[in-house]
Each structure stands twice: as C-alpha cells, then as structure tokens.
C-alpha cells in the first residue's frame, strides 16, 4: 500500500498531483510567461495537460498546491531525488504558480512546507533549488528562505523556443536548517 503525502501550511495544502488537477494545471501552464520562467513549454491544450499530469503522477515527485480554505489549485512544486551533486541524500526543489497568485507569499510558504518534509521525513542532507539568472523575483524568494548561492551556471539549458539560459544554483544544508531559528516555527 502506497501512503499519500499531504503537507499542510498556514494557508496551503500540498499533495501528490492527480488526474483531477489536469484542467487547473492547464489553466496556468498555458501562460507563456509562467511556463518560460518555470523552464517548460506552454501547454497547448487540455489533452496535453492530461498527458503531462499522468507523467508527473508516474514519476511521483510533483505535488499540487491548493489554497487550504477554498481548495483551489494554484500551482505545482517538485521534490526531485536528483541533484547537480552526486550525493544520495541531495534533493532538488522546484515551484511554479498560477500568475494570479504571484506576490502573495504562497511560493515561499509552499517551499517551506516541502523543505521541512524533505529534511524531516525524506532524510535529505542537502536541498538545491535553481532559478533562471534574470528571474529576480524567484531569486529573492530563494534567498529569503536561507538558501546560499553556490554560483551561476552559464548555458545551463535550452528553452522550448531555442533560447539558451543561465541559472543560479542555491543550496540549503541540513546543518544550516537546524541552526536557523526561523525554521523552528514550521
């Protein structure tokens, strides 16, 4: 029997992505700005969204983010058991929100919940997160979560439109997480 994971924060519920999320996923993933900043091709239609969500369900590392009070899907986050580092206890985080919910503090709140889950239940020793270098909003959010900049990786990847992009790589180590008093309340 597989246990379903749910994370509850003050305003959010984070749970494994499901078929029921495909329509709401499509609603935000079709936006060019949102998709480009998250590093994926905008989703063209609901059928494609259904296939993508099915793939995410199969991989098991993508979670849906819901507003707790109204049970409204607002985005996805990821906790990958792979990283740039070749260590077995390193994870990589990712997040993508519907543009309507940008600037409301939901991104950091969701990531805090996932960070706590990774360190306290998955045995993570290091958590990484990357941001496209010019995505200043994303980088500020990451830095507010106490991640340290490891460096810039030039020509890291290519977007769906052929544009080459650079990333900023950040890390949070278990020791630093335990030392920071800010994490004690979560």
Foldseek 3Di string as FASTA:
>chain_A
DDDWDWFDFPFKIKTQQDLVCLVVALVQQQDCVLVVQQQAHRDDDSVSSSVVSVVSNVVGFKIWMAGVVVRHTFWIKGWAQDDPDPDRQEIEIGITTRPVCPPVCPVLRVVLRVVCCSVPPVVHFKYKYKGFPPPVSVVVSCVVNVWDWPAKAFQPDAGPVGDGTIMTMTMDGPVNCVPDPVSVVD
